[in-house]
Amino acid sequence: MMNKILVSACLIGENCKYNGGNNKNQKLLDYLKDKEYVLVCPESIGGLAIPRLPSEIEKGMDGSDVIDQGAKVYSKDGKDVTAEYLKGAKMSLDIALENEVGLAILKESSPSCGSSLIHDGNFVGNKKPGQGVTVALLKKHGIKTISEKDLDNLENIG
């Protein structure tokens, strides 16, 4: 039996983005039709409101630095929201482990869910290579993590 897939809730149409919207992705919905999956929004389960100000990991850092080195996540108004991001990551990991998740498909560019790109910490829309806090924690525990941008390669993944 194939393991369950952990999926960013915003990608299937849940309105949990920072701005109250979603990132519904029809290609992902089609892929998931015959699969078992569990939804997660690390930022909302970590205690952040919907809607909320956008947040970014501090300049020069990424999610692994937040977990291992004490780097911070700040909302656009300068508030330290690191604790909420760490709580959401840990709760997402717990959900993944409880559900025997083998793959996570999470929202690219998010400070929680970005698997290869995140915003650069300047709040001007620039992106840089890096991973979000939740992705870093999932990977640290051996869970394969991709983004919705990798859907074309899913047949090679499982």
C-alpha atoms as a PDB file:
ATOM      1  CA  MET A   1       0.000   0.000   0.000  1.00  0.00           C
ATOM      2  CA  MET A   2       1.315   3.435  -0.922  1.00  0.00           C
ATOM      3  CA  ASN A   3       1.900   5.835   1.920  1.00  0.00           C
ATOM      4  CA  LYS A   4      -0.319   8.856   2.337  1.00  0.00           C
ATOM      5  CA  ILE A   5       0.682  12.214   0.902  1.00  0.00           C
ATOM      6  CA  LEU A   6       0.881  15.377   3.018  1.00  0.00           C
ATOM      7  CA  VAL A   7      -0.523  18.321   1.026  1.00  0.00           C
ATOM      8  CA  SER A   8      -0.609  22.082   1.627  1.00  0.00           C
ATOM      9  CA  ALA A   9      -4.279  22.851   2.273  1.00  0.00           C
ATOM     10  CA  CYS A  10      -4.112  26.037   0.179  1.00  0.00           C
ATOM     11  CA  LEU A  11      -3.242  23.952  -2.902  1.00  0.00           C
ATOM     12  CA  ILE A  12      -6.558  22.110  -2.824  1.00  0.00           C
ATOM     13  CA  GLY A  13      -8.538  25.327  -2.385  1.00  0.00           C
ATOM     14  CA  GLU A  14      -8.699  25.968   1.366  1.00  0.00           C
ATOM     15  CA  ASN A  15      -8.622  29.697   2.070  1.00  0.00           C
ATOM     16  CA  CYS A  16      -5.694  29.654   4.486  1.00  0.00           C
ATOM     17  CA  LYS A  17      -3.130  31.824   2.662  1.00  0.00           C
ATOM     18  CA  TYR A  18      -1.797  34.865   4.497  1.00  0.00           C
ATOM     19  CA  ASN A  19      -4.183  37.073   2.486  1.00  0.00           C
ATOM     20  CA  GLY A  20      -7.201  34.840   3.131  1.00  0.00           C
ATOM     21  CA  GLY A  21      -7.136  33.294  -0.349  1.00  0.00           C
ATOM     22  CA  ASN A  22      -5.903  29.971  -1.696  1.00  0.00           C
ATOM     23  CA  ASN A  23      -3.565  28.516  -4.315  1.00  0.00           C
ATOM     24  CA  LYS A  24      -5.951  25.924  -5.772  1.00  0.00           C
ATOM     25  CA  ASN A  25      -4.072  23.753  -8.264  1.00  0.00           C
ATOM     26  CA  GLN A  26      -6.206  21.637 -10.603  1.00  0.00           C
ATOM     27  CA  LYS A  27      -3.271  19.523 -11.759  1.00  0.00           C
ATOM     28  CA  LEU A  28      -2.621  18.540  -8.144  1.00  0.00           C
ATOM     29  CA  LEU A  29      -6.314  17.837  -7.511  1.00  0.00           C
ATOM     30  CA  ASP A  30      -6.332  15.541 -10.555  1.00  0.00           C
ATOM     31  CA  TYR A  31      -3.201  13.763  -9.311  1.00  0.00           C
ATOM     32  CA  LEU A  32      -4.709  13.233  -5.847  1.00  0.00           C
ATOM     33  CA  LYS A  33      -8.031  11.787  -7.107  1.00  0.00           C
ATOM     34  CA  ASP A  34      -7.069   8.159  -6.443  1.00  0.00           C
ATOM     35  CA  LYS A  35      -4.592   8.809  -3.616  1.00  0.00           C
ATOM     36  CA  GLU A  36      -4.867   8.991   0.148  1.00  0.00           C
ATOM     37  CA  TYR A  37      -3.758  12.362   1.441  1.00  0.00           C
ATOM     38  CA  VAL A  38      -3.877  14.542   4.513  1.00  0.00           C
ATOM     39  CA  LEU A  39      -4.041  18.345   4.474  1.00  0.00           C
ATOM     40  CA  VAL A  40      -1.993  20.758   6.522  1.00  0.00           C
ATOM     41  CA  CYS A  41      -1.465  24.511   6.801  1.00  0.00           C
ATOM     42  CA  PRO A  42       1.523  24.872   9.144  1.00  0.00           C
ATOM     43  CA  GLU A  43       1.011  28.603   9.618  1.00  0.00           C
ATOM     44  CA  SER A  44      -2.614  28.363  10.710  1.00  0.00           C
ATOM     45  CA  ILE A  45      -2.102  25.312  12.962  1.00  0.00           C
ATOM     46  CA  GLY A  46       0.915  27.101  14.414  1.00  0.00           C
ATOM     47  CA  GLY A  47      -1.384  29.852  15.653  1.00  0.00           C
ATOM     48  CA  LEU A  48      -1.270  32.547  12.974  1.00  0.00           C
ATOM     49  CA  ALA A  49      -4.520  34.223  11.929  1.00  0.00           C
ATOM     50  CA  ILE A  50      -6.194  34.136   8.520  1.00  0.00           C
ATOM     51  CA  PRO A  51      -5.700  36.653   7.045  1.00  0.00           C
ATOM     52  CA  ARG A  52      -2.320  37.721   8.411  1.00  0.00           C
ATOM     53  CA  LEU A  53       0.593  39.876   7.336  1.00  0.00           C
ATOM     54  CA  PRO A  54       3.069  38.098   5.063  1.00  0.00           C
ATOM     55  CA  SER A  55       6.135  36.676   6.793  1.00  0.00           C
ATOM     56  CA  GLU A  56       9.637  35.918   5.580  1.00  0.00           C
ATOM     57  CA  ILE A  57      12.678  34.190   7.039  1.00  0.00           C
ATOM     58  CA  GLU A  58      15.417  36.669   7.939  1.00  0.00           C
ATOM     59  CA  LYS A  59      17.876  37.661   5.218  1.00  0.00           C
ATOM     60  CA  GLY A  60      20.532  35.128   4.305  1.00  0.00           C
ATOM     61  CA  MET A  61      18.795  32.271   6.130  1.00  0.00           C
ATOM     62  CA  ASP A  62      16.297  29.523   5.361  1.00  0.00           C
ATOM     63  CA  GLY A  63      14.097  27.051   7.226  1.00  0.00           C
ATOM     64  CA  SER A  64      16.959  24.780   8.230  1.00  0.00           C
ATOM     65  CA  ASP A  65      18.649  27.778   9.876  1.00  0.00           C
ATOM     66  CA  VAL A  66      15.434  28.500  11.802  1.00  0.00           C
ATOM     67  CA  ILE A  67      15.380  24.918  13.114  1.00  0.00           C
ATOM     68  CA  ASP A  68      19.105  24.419  13.739  1.00  0.00           C
ATOM     69  CA  GLN A  69      20.671  27.863  14.180  1.00  0.00           C
ATOM     70  CA  GLY A  70      18.050  30.058  15.823  1.00  0.00           C
ATOM     71  CA  ALA A  71      17.315  32.153  12.716  1.00  0.00           C
ATOM     72  CA  LYS A  72      14.058  34.113  12.933  1.00  0.00           C
ATOM     73  CA  VAL A  73      10.867  34.512  10.910  1.00  0.00           C
ATOM     74  CA  TYR A  74       9.380  38.016  10.848  1.00  0.00           C
ATOM     75  CA  SER A  75       6.043  39.358   9.680  1.00  0.00           C
ATOM     76  CA  LYS A  76       6.086  42.408   7.418  1.00  0.00           C
ATOM     77  CA  ASP A  77       5.600  44.751  10.397  1.00  0.00           C
ATOM     78  CA  GLY A  78       8.721  43.354  12.093  1.00  0.00           C
ATOM     79  CA  LYS A  79       6.997  41.049  14.603  1.00  0.00           C
ATOM     80  CA  ASP A  80       8.929  37.876  15.461  1.00  0.00           C
ATOM     81  CA  VAL A  81       6.654  34.963  14.479  1.00  0.00           C
ATOM     82  CA  THR A  82       9.323  32.253  14.739  1.00  0.00           C
ATOM     83  CA  ALA A  83       7.532  30.406  17.564  1.00  0.00           C
ATOM     84  CA  GLU A  84       4.374  30.019  15.461  1.00  0.00           C
ATOM     85  CA  TYR A  85       6.388  28.748  12.482  1.00  0.00           C
ATOM     86  CA  LEU A  86       8.243  26.223  14.632  1.00  0.00           C
ATOM     87  CA  LYS A  87       5.007  25.072  16.296  1.00  0.00           C
ATOM     88  CA  GLY A  88       3.337  24.656  12.894  1.00  0.00           C
ATOM     89  CA  ALA A  89       6.328  22.711  11.572  1.00  0.00           C
ATOM     90  CA  LYS A  90       6.339  20.376  14.582  1.00  0.00           C
ATOM     91  CA  MET A  91       2.581  19.825  14.368  1.00  0.00           C
ATOM     92  CA  SER A  92       2.874  19.143  10.621  1.00  0.00           C
ATOM     93  CA  LEU A  93       5.629  16.617  11.304  1.00  0.00           C
ATOM     94  CA  ASP A  94       3.450  14.925  13.943  1.00  0.00           C
ATOM     95  CA  ILE A  95       0.563  14.714  11.444  1.00  0.00           C
ATOM     96  CA  ALA A  96       2.919  13.293   8.805  1.00  0.00           C
ATOM     97  CA  LEU A  97       4.303  10.661  11.179  1.00  0.00           C
ATOM     98  CA  GLU A  98       0.882   9.685  12.557  1.00  0.00           C
ATOM     99  CA  ASN A  99      -0.383   9.187   8.995  1.00  0.00           C
ATOM    100  CA  GLU A 100       2.738   7.373   7.737  1.00  0.00           C
ATOM    101  CA  VAL A 101       3.263  10.007   5.056  1.00  0.00           C
ATOM    102  CA  GLY A 102       5.857   9.104   2.434  1.00  0.00           C
ATOM    103  CA  LEU A 103       5.667  12.265   0.325  1.00  0.00           C
ATOM    104  CA  ALA A 104       4.761  15.890   0.987  1.00  0.00           C
ATOM    105  CA  ILE A 105       3.554  18.224  -1.780  1.00  0.00           C
ATOM    106  CA  LEU A 106       3.762  21.716  -0.342  1.00  0.00           C
ATOM    107  CA  LYS A 107       3.426  25.302  -1.616  1.00  0.00           C
ATOM    108  CA  GLU A 108       6.573  26.664  -3.235  1.00  0.00           C
ATOM    109  CA  SER A 109       7.953  30.028  -2.015  1.00  0.00           C
ATOM    110  CA  SER A 110       6.181  29.840   1.358  1.00  0.00           C
ATOM    111  CA  PRO A 111       8.271  30.480   4.505  1.00  0.00           C
ATOM    112  CA  SER A 112       6.781  27.235   5.853  1.00  0.00           C
ATOM    113  CA  CYS A 113       6.287  25.101   2.771  1.00  0.00           C
ATOM    114  CA  GLY A 114       8.789  26.224   0.118  1.00  0.00           C
ATOM    115  CA  SER A 115      10.839  23.216  -0.978  1.00  0.00           C
ATOM    116  CA  SER A 116      13.407  24.947  -3.188  1.00  0.00           C
ATOM    117  CA  LEU A 117      12.488  28.654  -3.184  1.00  0.00           C
ATOM    118  CA  ILE A 118      11.613  31.136  -0.447  1.00  0.00           C
ATOM    119  CA  HIS A 119      11.328  34.923  -0.301  1.00  0.00           C
ATOM    120  CA  ASP A 120      14.622  36.640   0.500  1.00  0.00           C
ATOM    121  CA  GLY A 121      13.600  38.468   3.689  1.00  0.00           C
ATOM    122  CA  ASN A 122      13.277  41.933   2.130  1.00  0.00           C
ATOM    123  CA  PHE A 123       9.483  41.861   1.592  1.00  0.00           C
ATOM    124  CA  VAL A 124       9.769  43.073  -2.007  1.00  0.00           C
ATOM    125  CA  GLY A 125       8.813  39.859  -3.806  1.00  0.00           C
ATOM    126  CA  ASN A 126      12.327  38.609  -4.530  1.00  0.00           C
ATOM    127  CA  LYS A 127      12.906  34.880  -4.171  1.00  0.00           C
ATOM    128  CA  LYS A 128      16.052  32.920  -3.453  1.00  0.00           C
ATOM    129  CA  PRO A 129      17.005  29.257  -3.230  1.00  0.00           C
ATOM    130  CA  GLY A 130      16.073  27.799   0.132  1.00  0.00           C
ATOM    131  CA  GLN A 131      13.459  25.826   2.013  1.00  0.00           C
ATOM    132  CA  GLY A 132      10.728  26.749   4.428  1.00  0.00           C
ATOM    133  CA  VAL A 133      10.645  25.826   8.111  1.00  0.00           C
ATOM    134  CA  THR A 134       8.184  22.918   7.775  1.00  0.00           C
ATOM    135  CA  VAL A 135       9.986  21.491   4.738  1.00  0.00           C
ATOM    136  CA  ALA A 136      13.312  21.596   6.587  1.00  0.00           C
ATOM    137  CA  LEU A 137      11.838  19.692   9.537  1.00  0.00           C
ATOM    138  CA  LEU A 138      10.104  17.095   7.332  1.00  0.00           C
ATOM    139  CA  LYS A 139      13.303  16.506   5.342  1.00  0.00           C
ATOM    140  CA  LYS A 140      15.288  16.183   8.561  1.00  0.00           C
ATOM    141  CA  HIS A 141      12.967  13.286   9.433  1.00  0.00           C
ATOM    142  CA  GLY A 142      13.351  11.598   6.045  1.00  0.00           C
ATOM    143  CA  ILE A 143      10.088  12.679   4.410  1.00  0.00           C
ATOM    144  CA  LYS A 144      10.464  13.451   0.695  1.00  0.00           C
ATOM    145  CA  THR A 145       9.189  16.936  -0.007  1.00  0.00           C
ATOM    146  CA  ILE A 146       8.342  18.535  -3.347  1.00  0.00           C
ATOM    147  CA  SER A 147       6.307  21.529  -4.488  1.00  0.00           C
ATOM    148  CA  GLU A 148       3.343  21.917  -6.809  1.00  0.00           C
ATOM    149  CA  LYS A 149       5.908  23.042  -9.413  1.00  0.00           C
ATOM    150  CA  ASP A 150       7.235  19.456  -9.483  1.00  0.00           C
ATOM    151  CA  LEU A 151       3.905  17.922 -10.556  1.00  0.00           C
ATOM    152  CA  ASP A 152       5.192  17.160 -14.054  1.00  0.00           C
ATOM    153  CA  ASN A 153       7.750  14.834 -12.478  1.00  0.00           C
ATOM    154  CA  LEU A 154       5.307  13.034 -10.176  1.00  0.00           C
ATOM    155  CA  GLU A 155       5.138   9.912 -12.311  1.00  0.00           C
ATOM    156  CA  ASN A 156       8.870   9.490 -11.628  1.00  0.00           C
ATOM    157  CA  ILE A 157       8.328   9.949  -7.884  1.00  0.00           C
ATOM    158  CA  GLY A 158       5.492   7.516  -7.242  1.00  0.00           C
END
